[in-house]
Amino acid sequence: MNDSVQVSGTTSEHLAAPDRLIGYAVEASDGPIGTVDPYSQEVGAEHLVVDTGGPLLSKKVLLPRWTVAHVDEVNRTVHVTHAQDRIKAAPRFDRDMRVTDPGYRAQIDDHYRGEPAH
């Protein structure tokens, strides 16, 4: 697992402070997928919460840190290695389950391990 993320051409522990990424666009390997949600502050540095929809079709998903390819500070965009369909098919982010179910994050990680990076 890669703990560092490319940020403007340099290696950085940028995701150690997920609150800095709130509101950034999230770009899947095949196009835009959503934005980094404020709940990212609550889930820790290993994951981000991504809102994949608009006001009526909003779905929040948990995205493992290791899926992030790089962060574009200029355009405020987080680029990830997985396709839109894979991210949209992820289990819905459950704010309560992340605290009470120790297997929840493992389930999320397993979901993303099922597809090779692009």
Protein backbone atom coordinates (compact mmCIF):
# COMPACT_ATOMS: atom_id res chain seq x y z
CA MET A 1 0.00 0.00 0.00
CA ASN A 2 1.32 3.43 -0.90
CA ASP A 3 1.19 5.88 1.99
CA SER A 4 2.32 8.88 -0.03
CA VAL A 5 0.43 10.85 -2.64
CA GLN A 6 1.80 12.89 -5.53
CA VAL A 7 0.97 16.55 -4.97
CA SER A 8 2.14 19.00 -7.60
CA GLY A 9 5.04 16.71 -8.54
CA THR A 10 6.31 16.10 -5.00
CA THR A 11 5.64 13.32 -2.53
CA SER A 12 3.45 14.46 0.35
CA GLU A 13 1.49 13.15 3.28
CA HIS A 14 -1.28 15.51 2.11
CA LEU A 15 -4.13 13.20 3.10
CA ALA A 16 -2.99 13.26 6.72
CA ALA A 17 -5.18 16.38 6.94
CA PRO A 18 -8.39 15.41 5.09
CA ASP A 19 -10.02 18.70 6.10
CA ARG A 20 -7.69 20.42 3.58
CA LEU A 21 -9.36 18.44 0.77
CA ILE A 22 -12.98 19.19 1.65
CA GLY A 23 -14.74 20.53 -1.40
CA TYR A 24 -12.09 19.29 -3.83
CA ALA A 25 -13.43 17.65 -6.97
CA VAL A 26 -12.78 13.92 -7.24
CA GLU A 27 -11.73 12.68 -10.66
CA ALA A 28 -12.04 8.94 -11.33
CA SER A 29 -9.86 7.25 -13.96
CA ASP A 30 -12.62 7.87 -16.51
CA GLY A 31 -14.05 11.23 -15.48
CA PRO A 32 -15.52 13.28 -12.64
CA ILE A 33 -17.18 11.37 -9.78
CA GLY A 34 -18.00 13.91 -7.05
CA THR A 35 -16.48 15.98 -4.28
CA VAL A 36 -14.71 15.38 -0.99
CA ASP A 37 -17.38 15.57 1.72
CA PRO A 38 -16.95 17.24 5.15
CA TYR A 39 -17.46 13.83 6.84
CA SER A 40 -13.89 13.11 5.71
CA GLN A 41 -12.76 14.91 8.87
CA GLU A 42 -14.37 12.16 10.95
CA VAL A 43 -13.11 9.01 9.21
CA GLY A 44 -9.37 9.44 9.64
CA ALA A 45 -6.46 9.76 7.24
CA GLU A 46 -6.86 6.31 5.62
CA HIS A 47 -10.14 7.19 3.88
CA LEU A 48 -12.04 10.06 2.30
CA VAL A 49 -15.80 10.43 2.10
CA VAL A 50 -16.88 11.29 -1.45
CA ASP A 51 -20.30 12.67 -2.33
CA THR A 52 -21.05 11.14 -5.74
CA GLY A 53 -24.28 12.93 -6.54
CA GLY A 54 -26.18 16.18 -6.58
CA PRO A 55 -28.77 17.32 -4.04
CA LEU A 56 -31.45 14.81 -5.10
CA LEU A 57 -29.29 11.79 -5.94
CA SER A 58 -26.60 12.21 -3.31
CA LYS A 59 -24.71 9.09 -2.30
CA LYS A 60 -21.70 9.22 -0.04
CA VAL A 61 -19.05 6.51 -0.32
CA LEU A 62 -15.86 5.81 1.57
CA LEU A 63 -12.76 5.91 -0.62
CA PRO A 64 -9.50 4.37 0.65
CA ARG A 65 -6.48 6.64 0.66
CA TRP A 66 -4.50 4.14 -1.43
CA THR A 67 -6.82 4.77 -4.40
CA VAL A 68 -5.60 8.39 -4.67
CA ALA A 69 -3.09 8.82 -7.50
CA HIS A 70 -2.38 12.50 -6.91
CA VAL A 71 -3.80 15.79 -5.71
CA ASP A 72 -3.90 18.79 -8.03
CA GLU A 73 -3.73 21.80 -5.73
CA VAL A 74 -4.11 24.32 -8.54
CA ASN A 75 -7.41 22.87 -9.78
CA ARG A 76 -8.47 21.57 -6.33
CA THR A 77 -8.90 18.02 -7.67
CA VAL A 78 -8.19 14.61 -6.15
CA HIS A 79 -7.36 12.07 -8.89
CA VAL A 80 -8.11 8.42 -8.08
CA THR A 81 -7.14 5.16 -9.77
CA HIS A 82 -10.61 3.61 -10.03
CA ALA A 83 -13.40 4.07 -12.58
CA GLN A 84 -16.67 5.91 -11.91
CA ASP A 85 -18.78 2.74 -11.98
CA ARG A 86 -16.59 1.04 -9.36
CA ILE A 87 -16.81 4.03 -7.03
CA LYS A 88 -20.57 4.43 -7.52
CA ALA A 89 -21.03 0.70 -6.80
CA ALA A 90 -19.26 0.97 -3.44
CA PRO A 91 -21.36 0.43 -0.32
CA ARG A 92 -23.02 3.61 0.87
CA PHE A 93 -21.07 5.48 3.56
CA ASP A 94 -22.71 4.75 6.90
CA ARG A 95 -21.65 7.26 9.53
CA ASP A 96 -22.73 5.00 12.41
CA MET A 97 -21.38 1.73 11.01
CA ARG A 98 -17.86 3.09 10.64
CA VAL A 99 -17.72 3.33 14.44
CA THR A 100 -19.63 0.23 15.51
CA ASP A 101 -18.60 -2.37 12.89
CA PRO A 102 -14.87 -3.17 12.83
CA GLY A 103 -15.24 -4.96 9.48
CA TYR A 104 -16.80 -2.00 7.69
CA ARG A 105 -13.54 -0.45 6.46
CA ALA A 106 -12.22 -3.89 5.49
CA GLN A 107 -15.38 -4.37 3.39
CA ILE A 108 -14.74 -1.03 1.69
CA ASP A 109 -11.08 -1.86 1.02
CA ASP A 110 -12.07 -5.26 -0.38
CA HIS A 111 -14.54 -3.59 -2.74
CA TYR A 112 -11.79 -1.48 -4.30
CA ARG A 113 -9.26 -4.31 -4.41
CA GLY A 114 -11.61 -6.10 -6.82
CA GLU A 115 -10.60 -3.84 -9.73
CA PRO A 116 -7.09 -3.21 -10.98
CA ALA A 117 -5.92 0.39 -11.05
CA HIS A 118 -6.04 2.17 -14.43
